[in-house]
Amino acid sequence: MHKKLLILFLALGSQTAFSQTTVIRNPEIAQMVAAISSDSLEHHVRSLASFTSRHTLNTNAKDGMPAAQQYVLSKFNSFAKQSGGRMTAKIEQFTIPGDKRRIVEDSPGANVLATLKGTNPEDDRIFIVSGHMDSRNKDVMDAEGSAPGANDDGSGTAAVIELARVMASHEFSATILFVAFTGEEQGLKGATYMADKAKAEGWNLAAVLNNDIMGNSSSSETLIKDNLKLRVFSESIPIAETEQEANIRRYINAENDSKSRQLARYIKELGERYVDQLEVKLIYRSDRFLRGGDQTAFARNAFTAVRMSEMNENFLHQHENVRVEDGVQYGDLPEFMDFEYLRKVSAVNLASLASLANSPDQPKDVRIDVRGLSNKSTLLWKAPEIGKVAGYYVLMRETSEAMWERKFWTTETTLTLPYSKDNYFFAVQAVSESGAESLPVFPTPLSR
């Protein structure tokens, strides 16, 4: 009897040991994550919500959009003092063309942005973390009524401000832009202006992390209360896909492996690595039904972009006039937010952004050899042009799985694995000497 119990105990122990996961955190990133403050986030949300309206067309210099823009700019400028001259901030003004819908005639617009310059002069990559600072009522053209916009999108704007505060005193190889967009509710106007500019000027824009409605953990109707999950939306078939790219995608069945989807997986892995008590849920949609976000403006220009948003939305506090009706409080007010939840979501942004901005660039010309029948898989690639590389991970997952399941380390630029290319998907990412991982690259076929 004792012998049987001992065998059972050893068997259970072996299963437990096999299922253990080692979590290795970069100390500097962990320190930055720990520095994010729910009190600071709440302060920014309440400050933004105190302006009567942040409607894009509200020109009240004391209590409207211009005043809110000055608030964000003042915060960025205060953080810049800790950056050793690497952070600068400005309000970038532009003209929103009239569309006879939500912008009746040509109107002034402005984005507020802080630029944290990268320390590597050979690294021209740019990473954007964003939220939109404009708010709205039920009538999207109501530019004068009270529209606190605490969660939509004071939450995303507050996160951008807080990340700028924490990251300003740290160094990154690549450049980071912290952006508060204007005109999202009127048709993604501020994001479209910046995305079009980035394309026209040839920015090496590596990724966009857009944050919109991310500070509430209690749903309407279903009454779910849960601050343990975050949604990341990413496109499947790229909206800007060329016909040649479409032909390759169809040939290799890469509908679930767009660049934005690779970024979403990266955010899940890094976010869950550094942020406790939060699960990142991959949503296989570019956005929600009947709604949109600023990431779309970048996707239209073929940039890699995702949207981060709370898991359980409360529609009593979105796009509603502030009022009490039948004993129910409507309106996007700060008291309906969960600032500890907002801290965790902000931390996911920071962990992902900090790792990306210090990683090497992605491997170049990643191929999988499909020139012959084989039960092995051979991948080959070229070293990235930016950053020092210690080695590479070849990632592998079954075709039915959402996340990469295995990582194979190599210091070479080719690897042959005893797994059939017909049964698995693969990708390759470059790794720096400090362990920072690039975004994975899904291989294209090397054929006859």
Protein backbone atom coordinates (compact mmCIF):
# COMPACT_ATOMS: atom_id res chain seq x y z
CA MET A 1 0.00 0.00 0.00
CA HIS A 2 2.75 2.43 0.97
CA LYS A 3 4.66 1.53 -2.19
CA LYS A 4 1.61 2.29 -4.38
CA LEU A 5 1.12 5.66 -2.66
CA LEU A 6 4.79 6.50 -3.19
CA ILE A 7 4.54 5.67 -6.91
CA LEU A 8 1.37 7.80 -7.21
CA PHE A 9 3.06 10.69 -5.40
CA LEU A 10 6.10 10.53 -7.67
CA ALA A 11 3.88 10.40 -10.75
CA LEU A 12 1.89 13.45 -9.64
CA GLY A 13 5.10 15.24 -8.80
CA SER A 14 6.49 14.55 -12.26
CA GLN A 15 3.32 15.92 -13.89
CA THR A 16 3.48 19.03 -11.74
CA ALA A 17 7.13 19.62 -12.54
CA PHE A 18 6.45 19.14 -16.26
CA SER A 19 3.70 21.77 -16.22
CA GLN A 20 5.73 24.40 -14.41
CA THR A 21 6.56 27.59 -16.30
CA THR A 22 9.60 29.69 -15.57
CA VAL A 23 8.92 33.43 -15.80
CA ILE A 24 12.02 35.52 -16.50
CA ARG A 25 11.52 39.27 -16.25
CA ASN A 26 13.93 41.95 -17.36
CA PRO A 27 14.61 43.90 -14.13
CA GLU A 28 14.38 47.32 -15.80
CA ILE A 29 11.04 46.56 -17.44
CA ALA A 30 9.74 45.08 -14.17
CA GLN A 31 10.81 48.27 -12.39
CA MET A 32 8.94 50.44 -14.90
CA VAL A 33 5.83 48.27 -14.64
CA ALA A 34 5.91 48.61 -10.85
CA ALA A 35 6.16 52.41 -11.18
CA ILE A 36 2.78 52.75 -12.90
CA SER A 37 0.38 54.29 -10.41
CA SER A 38 -3.39 53.86 -10.27
CA ASP A 39 -3.55 57.13 -8.30
CA SER A 40 -1.70 58.95 -11.06
CA LEU A 41 -4.01 57.47 -13.70
CA GLU A 42 -7.07 58.48 -11.71
CA HIS A 43 -5.74 62.02 -11.35
CA HIS A 44 -5.32 62.36 -15.12
CA VAL A 45 -8.75 60.89 -15.88
CA ARG A 46 -10.47 63.21 -13.42
CA SER A 47 -8.53 66.20 -14.74
CA LEU A 48 -9.55 65.40 -18.32
CA ALA A 49 -13.17 64.78 -17.31
CA SER A 50 -13.29 68.17 -15.51
CA PHE A 51 -13.30 70.03 -18.83
CA THR A 52 -16.90 70.66 -19.89
CA SER A 53 -16.36 69.03 -23.28
CA ARG A 54 -13.39 67.67 -25.19
CA HIS A 55 -15.40 67.52 -28.40
CA THR A 56 -13.12 68.04 -31.40
CA LEU A 57 -15.16 71.05 -32.55
CA ASN A 58 -15.27 72.70 -29.11
CA THR A 59 -12.92 75.70 -29.34
CA ASN A 60 -13.42 77.03 -25.78
CA ALA A 61 -9.88 77.91 -24.69
CA LYS A 62 -10.75 77.73 -20.99
CA ASP A 63 -13.01 74.69 -20.75
CA GLY A 64 -12.94 72.86 -24.07
CA MET A 65 -10.59 70.94 -26.31
CA PRO A 66 -7.81 73.57 -26.47
CA ALA A 67 -7.62 73.63 -22.66
CA ALA A 68 -7.48 69.84 -22.50
CA GLN A 69 -4.70 69.80 -25.10
CA GLN A 70 -2.70 72.27 -23.03
CA TYR A 71 -3.16 70.02 -19.99
CA VAL A 72 -1.69 67.01 -21.81
CA LEU A 73 1.13 69.13 -23.25
CA SER A 74 2.02 70.48 -19.80
CA LYS A 75 2.34 66.93 -18.46
CA PHE A 76 4.54 65.85 -21.35
CA ASN A 77 6.78 68.89 -20.90
CA SER A 78 7.16 68.21 -17.18
CA PHE A 79 8.25 64.62 -17.87
CA ALA A 80 10.70 65.80 -20.54
CA LYS A 81 12.81 67.39 -17.81
CA GLN A 82 13.72 63.88 -16.63
CA SER A 83 14.79 62.64 -20.08
CA GLY A 84 18.19 64.27 -20.46
CA GLY A 85 16.98 66.17 -23.49
CA ARG A 86 15.68 63.09 -25.33
CA MET A 87 11.96 63.89 -24.88
CA THR A 88 10.26 66.79 -26.60
CA ALA A 89 6.55 67.61 -26.75
CA LYS A 90 4.28 69.65 -28.97
CA ILE A 91 0.75 70.26 -30.16
CA GLU A 92 0.71 69.43 -33.88
CA GLN A 93 -2.03 71.38 -35.61
CA PHE A 94 -3.66 70.46 -38.90
CA THR A 95 -6.83 71.13 -40.85
CA ILE A 96 -9.62 68.56 -40.86
CA PRO A 97 -11.26 68.63 -44.29
CA GLY A 98 -15.03 69.05 -44.20
CA ASP A 99 -16.91 65.87 -45.06
CA LYS A 100 -20.47 67.24 -44.73
CA ARG A 101 -21.12 64.56 -42.12
CA ARG A 102 -19.30 64.86 -38.80
CA ILE A 103 -17.07 67.72 -39.97
CA VAL A 104 -19.44 70.06 -41.80
CA GLU A 105 -16.70 72.41 -43.02
CA ASP A 106 -12.92 72.59 -42.84
CA SER A 107 -12.04 72.77 -39.15
CA PRO A 108 -8.90 73.04 -37.02
CA GLY A 109 -7.54 69.84 -35.47
CA ALA A 110 -4.55 69.04 -33.31
CA ASN A 111 -2.74 66.02 -31.87
CA VAL A 112 -0.65 66.26 -28.71
CA LEU A 113 2.51 64.18 -28.81
CA ALA A 114 5.70 63.56 -26.91
CA THR A 115 8.71 62.12 -28.72
CA LEU A 116 11.22 60.06 -26.75
CA LYS A 117 14.19 59.91 -29.08
CA GLY A 118 15.98 56.58 -29.41
CA THR A 119 19.59 56.37 -28.27
CA ASN A 120 20.84 54.36 -31.26
CA PRO A 121 21.52 56.75 -34.17
CA GLU A 122 21.29 53.83 -36.60
CA ASP A 123 17.84 52.82 -35.33
CA ASP A 124 15.18 54.74 -37.25
CA ARG A 125 12.26 52.65 -36.01
CA ILE A 126 9.28 54.40 -34.43
CA PHE A 127 6.78 52.84 -32.02
CA ILE A 128 3.52 54.62 -31.20
CA VAL A 129 1.36 54.26 -28.09
CA SER A 130 -1.87 56.20 -28.39
CA GLY A 131 -5.30 57.11 -27.09
CA HIS A 132 -7.81 59.72 -28.26
CA MET A 133 -8.57 62.72 -26.09
CA ASP A 134 -11.80 63.88 -27.73
CA SER A 135 -15.13 63.05 -26.10
CA ARG A 136 -18.76 63.04 -27.28
CA ASN A 137 -22.40 62.88 -26.24
CA LYS A 138 -25.20 60.81 -27.75
CA ASP A 139 -25.39 63.36 -30.55
CA VAL A 140 -21.93 63.21 -32.08
CA MET A 141 -22.34 66.79 -33.35
CA ASP A 142 -23.07 68.24 -29.88
CA ALA A 143 -19.91 70.25 -29.31
CA GLU A 144 -21.16 72.27 -26.32
CA GLY A 145 -22.95 69.86 -23.95
CA SER A 146 -21.19 68.30 -21.00
CA ALA A 147 -19.13 65.33 -22.25
CA PRO A 148 -16.68 64.17 -19.55
CA GLY A 149 -15.37 61.22 -21.59
CA ALA A 150 -13.72 59.61 -18.56
CA ASN A 151 -13.39 56.12 -20.00
CA ASP A 152 -13.90 56.94 -23.70
CA ASP A 153 -11.16 57.84 -24.02
CA GLY A 154 -9.83 59.57 -20.95
CA SER A 155 -8.60 56.12 -19.95
CA GLY A 156 -6.42 55.69 -23.05
CA THR A 157 -5.15 59.26 -22.85
CA ALA A 158 -4.30 58.86 -19.15
CA ALA A 159 -2.40 55.65 -19.95
CA VAL A 160 -0.36 57.45 -22.62
CA ILE A 161 0.45 60.25 -20.15
CA GLU A 162 1.45 57.76 -17.45
CA LEU A 163 3.67 55.75 -19.80
CA ALA A 164 5.42 58.96 -20.84
CA ARG A 165 6.05 59.78 -17.18
CA VAL A 166 7.53 56.38 -16.34
CA MET A 167 9.53 55.87 -19.54
CA ALA A 168 10.98 59.38 -19.94
CA SER A 169 13.96 58.67 -17.70
CA HIS A 170 14.85 55.38 -19.42
CA GLU A 171 16.77 54.79 -22.63
CA PHE A 172 15.54 52.87 -25.65
CA SER A 173 17.20 52.03 -28.93
CA ALA A 174 14.19 53.07 -31.03
CA THR A 175 12.05 56.21 -30.84
CA ILE A 176 8.72 56.15 -29.01
CA LEU A 177 5.83 58.52 -29.75
CA PHE A 178 3.24 59.07 -27.01
CA VAL A 179 0.18 60.45 -28.82
CA ALA A 180 -3.18 61.85 -27.75
CA PHE A 181 -5.26 62.00 -30.94
CA THR A 182 -8.05 64.43 -31.71
CA GLY A 183 -11.07 63.75 -33.90
CA GLU A 184 -11.51 60.02 -33.29
CA GLU A 185 -15.24 60.38 -32.68
CA GLN A 186 -15.60 62.50 -35.84
CA GLY A 187 -14.06 59.81 -38.04
CA LEU A 188 -10.49 59.00 -36.93
CA LYS A 189 -9.31 62.43 -38.10
CA GLY A 190 -6.19 62.90 -35.96
CA ALA A 191 -4.97 59.34 -36.50
CA THR A 192 -5.61 59.58 -40.23
CA TYR A 193 -3.55 62.77 -40.40
CA MET A 194 -0.59 61.12 -38.63
CA ALA A 195 -0.86 57.80 -40.50
CA ASP A 196 -0.98 59.56 -43.87
CA LYS A 197 1.98 61.72 -42.84
CA ALA A 198 3.97 58.66 -41.72
CA LYS A 199 3.38 56.98 -45.07
CA ALA A 200 4.15 60.08 -47.13
CA GLU A 201 7.37 60.77 -45.23
CA GLY A 202 8.49 57.14 -45.21
CA TRP A 203 8.60 56.61 -41.46
CA ASN A 204 9.94 53.25 -40.32
CA LEU A 205 6.81 52.85 -38.17
CA ALA A 206 7.22 49.42 -36.61
CA ALA A 207 4.06 49.12 -34.49
CA VAL A 208 1.09 51.07 -33.12
CA LEU A 209 -0.48 50.21 -29.75
CA ASN A 210 -3.82 52.02 -29.66
CA ASN A 211 -5.79 52.23 -26.40
CA ASP A 212 -9.48 53.02 -26.41
CA ILE A 213 -12.04 52.39 -23.62
CA MET A 214 -9.83 50.48 -21.20
CA GLY A 215 -10.71 51.54 -17.66
CA ASN A 216 -13.98 49.82 -16.75
CA SER A 217 -14.44 46.30 -15.41
CA SER A 218 -18.25 46.07 -14.98
CA SER A 219 -20.57 45.35 -17.90
CA SER A 220 -24.07 46.62 -18.52
CA GLU A 221 -26.90 44.08 -19.09
CA THR A 222 -24.89 40.99 -18.13
CA LEU A 223 -23.63 42.63 -14.90
CA ILE A 224 -20.25 40.92 -15.16
CA LYS A 225 -17.57 42.25 -12.83
CA ASP A 226 -14.13 41.11 -13.89
CA ASN A 227 -10.83 43.02 -13.91
CA LEU A 228 -8.77 39.98 -14.91
CA LYS A 229 -9.04 40.14 -18.71
CA LEU A 230 -8.01 42.54 -21.49
CA ARG A 231 -8.95 42.38 -25.16
CA VAL A 232 -6.49 42.96 -28.00
CA PHE A 233 -8.12 43.39 -31.42
CA SER A 234 -6.08 42.66 -34.54
CA GLU A 235 -6.90 42.32 -38.22
CA SER A 236 -6.67 38.96 -39.95
CA ILE A 237 -6.46 39.70 -43.68
CA PRO A 238 -4.70 43.09 -43.86
CA ILE A 239 -6.94 45.87 -45.12
CA ALA A 240 -4.04 47.21 -47.24
CA GLU A 241 -3.02 43.81 -48.64
CA THR A 242 -1.75 43.80 -52.23
CA GLU A 243 -2.77 41.16 -54.74
CA GLN A 244 0.71 39.61 -54.61
CA GLU A 245 0.53 39.44 -50.80
CA ALA A 246 -2.93 37.90 -51.06
CA ASN A 247 -1.64 35.18 -53.38
CA ILE A 248 1.14 34.29 -50.92
CA ARG A 249 -1.26 34.34 -47.98
CA ARG A 250 -3.66 31.97 -49.71
CA TYR A 251 -0.82 29.63 -50.69
CA ILE A 252 0.56 29.34 -47.13
CA ASN A 253 -2.81 29.70 -45.35
CA ALA A 254 -1.65 32.68 -43.30
CA GLU A 255 -5.08 34.18 -42.58
CA ASN A 256 -4.30 34.06 -38.86
CA ASP A 257 -0.75 35.38 -39.16
CA SER A 258 -0.93 39.00 -40.27
CA LYS A 259 1.66 41.38 -38.87
CA SER A 260 -0.95 42.85 -36.55
CA ARG A 261 -1.85 39.40 -35.30
CA GLN A 262 1.83 38.74 -34.57
CA LEU A 263 1.88 41.99 -32.57
CA ALA A 264 -1.22 40.88 -30.65
CA ARG A 265 0.44 37.58 -29.74
CA TYR A 266 3.54 39.46 -28.66
CA ILE A 267 1.46 41.71 -26.40
CA LYS A 268 -0.19 38.68 -24.84
CA GLU A 269 3.12 36.99 -24.12
CA LEU A 270 4.86 40.10 -22.78
CA GLY A 271 1.82 41.40 -20.93
CA GLU A 272 1.22 38.17 -19.08
CA ARG A 273 4.95 37.85 -18.38
CA TYR A 274 5.11 41.17 -16.51
CA VAL A 275 1.59 41.87 -15.25
CA ASP A 276 0.10 39.62 -12.60
CA GLN A 277 -3.60 38.76 -12.39
CA LEU A 278 -4.38 39.72 -15.98
CA GLU A 279 -5.11 37.53 -19.00
CA VAL A 280 -4.73 39.04 -22.46
CA LYS A 281 -7.46 37.76 -24.77
CA LEU A 282 -6.80 37.76 -28.50
CA ILE A 283 -9.87 38.96 -30.38
CA TYR A 284 -9.75 37.91 -34.01
CA ARG A 285 -11.43 41.06 -35.29
CA SER A 286 -10.05 44.44 -36.26
CA ASP A 287 -12.60 46.08 -33.94
CA ARG A 288 -16.09 45.74 -32.48
CA PHE A 289 -19.37 45.79 -34.42
CA LEU A 290 -20.66 49.32 -35.17
CA ARG A 291 -17.50 50.85 -33.70
CA GLY A 292 -14.00 51.79 -34.80
CA GLY A 293 -10.68 52.98 -33.48
CA ASP A 294 -7.60 54.95 -34.46
CA GLN A 295 -5.61 51.79 -35.22
CA THR A 296 -7.66 51.47 -38.42
CA ALA A 297 -6.14 54.62 -39.90
CA PHE A 298 -2.69 53.03 -39.62
CA ALA A 299 -3.86 49.65 -40.92
CA ARG A 300 -5.19 51.40 -44.03
CA ASN A 301 -1.66 52.62 -44.64
CA ALA A 302 -0.19 49.10 -44.25
CA PHE A 303 1.25 49.72 -40.77
CA THR A 304 1.14 47.13 -37.98
CA ALA A 305 -1.48 48.28 -35.47
CA VAL A 306 -3.78 46.83 -32.79
CA ARG A 307 -6.46 48.08 -30.43
CA MET A 308 -6.49 47.37 -26.69
CA SER A 309 -9.81 47.60 -24.91
CA GLU A 310 -11.54 46.46 -21.74
CA MET A 311 -13.16 43.02 -21.70
CA ASN A 312 -16.60 44.04 -20.43
CA GLU A 313 -18.07 47.30 -21.69
CA ASN A 314 -20.76 49.30 -19.96
CA PHE A 315 -22.92 51.06 -22.54
CA LEU A 316 -24.73 53.15 -19.92
CA HIS A 317 -21.49 55.11 -19.71
CA GLN A 318 -20.53 55.40 -23.38
CA HIS A 319 -21.86 57.93 -25.89
CA GLU A 320 -24.59 58.97 -23.43
CA ASN A 321 -25.55 62.40 -22.11
CA VAL A 322 -24.93 62.81 -18.39
CA ARG A 323 -28.33 62.39 -16.72
CA VAL A 324 -30.37 60.35 -14.27
CA GLU A 325 -33.26 58.52 -15.89
CA ASP A 326 -35.60 56.15 -14.03
CA GLY A 327 -33.11 56.16 -11.18
CA VAL A 328 -30.22 55.13 -13.44
CA GLN A 329 -27.13 57.31 -13.84
CA TYR A 330 -25.99 57.69 -17.44
CA GLY A 331 -22.83 59.31 -18.74
CA ASP A 332 -19.11 58.63 -19.00
CA LEU A 333 -18.11 59.63 -15.47
CA PRO A 334 -14.92 58.78 -13.52
CA GLU A 335 -16.82 57.15 -10.66
CA PHE A 336 -17.73 54.22 -12.90
CA MET A 337 -14.11 53.33 -13.63
CA ASP A 338 -11.77 50.78 -12.08
CA PHE A 339 -8.38 52.46 -11.77
CA GLU A 340 -6.56 49.36 -10.56
CA TYR A 341 -7.73 47.65 -13.73
CA LEU A 342 -6.53 50.63 -15.76
CA ARG A 343 -3.13 50.30 -14.06
CA LYS A 344 -2.81 46.69 -15.21
CA VAL A 345 -3.84 47.48 -18.77
CA SER A 346 -1.37 50.38 -18.86
CA ALA A 347 1.33 48.02 -17.58
CA VAL A 348 0.70 45.61 -20.47
CA ASN A 349 1.31 48.51 -22.85
CA LEU A 350 4.53 49.45 -21.09
CA ALA A 351 5.97 45.92 -20.96
CA SER A 352 5.30 45.36 -24.65
CA LEU A 353 6.50 48.79 -25.74
CA ALA A 354 9.69 48.72 -23.67
CA SER A 355 10.66 45.29 -24.98
CA LEU A 356 9.96 46.21 -28.59
CA ALA A 357 11.85 49.51 -28.44
CA ASN A 358 15.01 47.78 -27.16
CA SER A 359 14.80 44.72 -29.39
CA PRO A 360 16.71 44.23 -32.63
CA ASP A 361 14.76 44.78 -35.80
CA GLN A 362 12.96 41.79 -37.29
CA PRO A 363 14.92 39.14 -39.22
CA LYS A 364 14.94 39.80 -42.96
CA ASP A 365 13.84 37.60 -45.86
CA VAL A 366 12.47 34.81 -43.64
CA ARG A 367 11.75 31.72 -45.75
CA ILE A 368 10.55 28.16 -45.28
CA ASP A 369 11.92 25.64 -47.75
CA VAL A 370 9.06 23.98 -49.63
CA ARG A 371 11.12 22.70 -52.61
CA GLY A 372 10.71 19.06 -51.73
CA LEU A 373 8.63 16.54 -49.85
CA SER A 374 9.93 16.09 -46.33
CA ASN A 375 8.84 15.40 -42.76
CA LYS A 376 11.30 18.05 -41.60
CA SER A 377 11.08 21.83 -41.82
CA THR A 378 13.97 24.10 -42.79
CA LEU A 379 13.80 27.83 -42.16
CA LEU A 380 16.37 30.35 -43.28
CA TRP A 381 16.67 34.13 -42.92
CA LYS A 382 19.02 37.10 -42.89
CA ALA A 383 20.19 39.09 -39.90
CA PRO A 384 18.29 42.31 -39.16
CA GLU A 385 19.86 45.57 -40.23
CA ILE A 386 19.24 47.25 -36.86
CA GLY A 387 20.45 46.14 -33.44
CA LYS A 388 22.94 43.65 -32.05
CA VAL A 389 21.65 40.08 -32.18
CA ALA A 390 22.60 37.39 -29.69
CA GLY A 391 20.54 34.76 -31.48
CA TYR A 392 17.12 33.83 -32.81
CA TYR A 393 13.99 32.01 -31.72
CA VAL A 394 12.23 29.81 -34.24
CA LEU A 395 8.65 29.64 -33.04
CA MET A 396 6.33 26.74 -33.72
CA ARG A 397 2.66 25.97 -33.15
CA GLU A 398 0.10 23.53 -34.45
CA THR A 399 -2.09 25.01 -37.16
CA SER A 400 -5.13 24.89 -34.87
CA GLU A 401 -3.45 26.76 -31.99
CA ALA A 402 -3.71 30.49 -31.31
CA MET A 403 -0.35 31.00 -29.59
CA TRP A 404 3.18 29.85 -30.31
CA GLU A 405 3.79 26.65 -28.37
CA ARG A 406 7.57 26.11 -28.64
CA LYS A 407 10.68 28.22 -29.05
CA PHE A 408 13.86 26.79 -30.55
CA TRP A 409 17.06 28.78 -29.93
CA THR A 410 19.82 29.16 -32.49
CA THR A 411 22.70 31.51 -33.18
CA GLU A 412 22.70 30.61 -36.88
CA THR A 413 20.50 32.04 -39.64
CA THR A 414 19.00 28.69 -40.57
CA LEU A 415 17.45 25.84 -38.63
CA THR A 416 16.05 22.44 -39.59
CA LEU A 417 13.48 20.92 -37.25
CA PRO A 418 12.14 17.34 -37.21
CA TYR A 419 8.55 18.58 -37.59
CA SER A 420 6.59 18.53 -40.82
CA LYS A 421 5.99 21.91 -42.46
CA ASP A 422 2.58 20.56 -43.44
CA ASN A 423 1.49 20.14 -39.81
CA TYR A 424 2.85 23.27 -38.09
CA PHE A 425 3.19 27.00 -38.47
CA PHE A 426 6.55 28.67 -37.86
CA ALA A 427 7.99 32.16 -37.34
CA VAL A 428 11.38 33.67 -36.52
CA GLN A 429 12.28 36.48 -34.14
CA ALA A 430 15.62 38.13 -33.36
CA VAL A 431 16.81 38.40 -29.75
CA SER A 432 19.16 41.03 -28.31
CA GLU A 433 21.98 40.43 -25.85
CA SER A 434 19.66 41.63 -23.07
CA GLY A 435 16.94 39.15 -24.13
CA ALA A 436 14.60 41.65 -25.85
CA GLU A 437 12.69 39.86 -28.60
CA SER A 438 11.65 41.37 -31.92
CA LEU A 439 8.25 40.87 -33.42
CA PRO A 440 8.05 37.43 -35.07
CA VAL A 441 8.18 37.14 -38.86
CA PHE A 442 5.98 34.57 -40.57
CA PRO A 443 7.97 32.90 -43.38
CA THR A 444 7.22 33.07 -47.07
CA PRO A 445 7.79 29.94 -49.16
CA LEU A 446 11.12 29.18 -50.81
CA SER A 447 9.91 27.20 -53.81
CA ARG A 448 11.44 25.87 -57.03
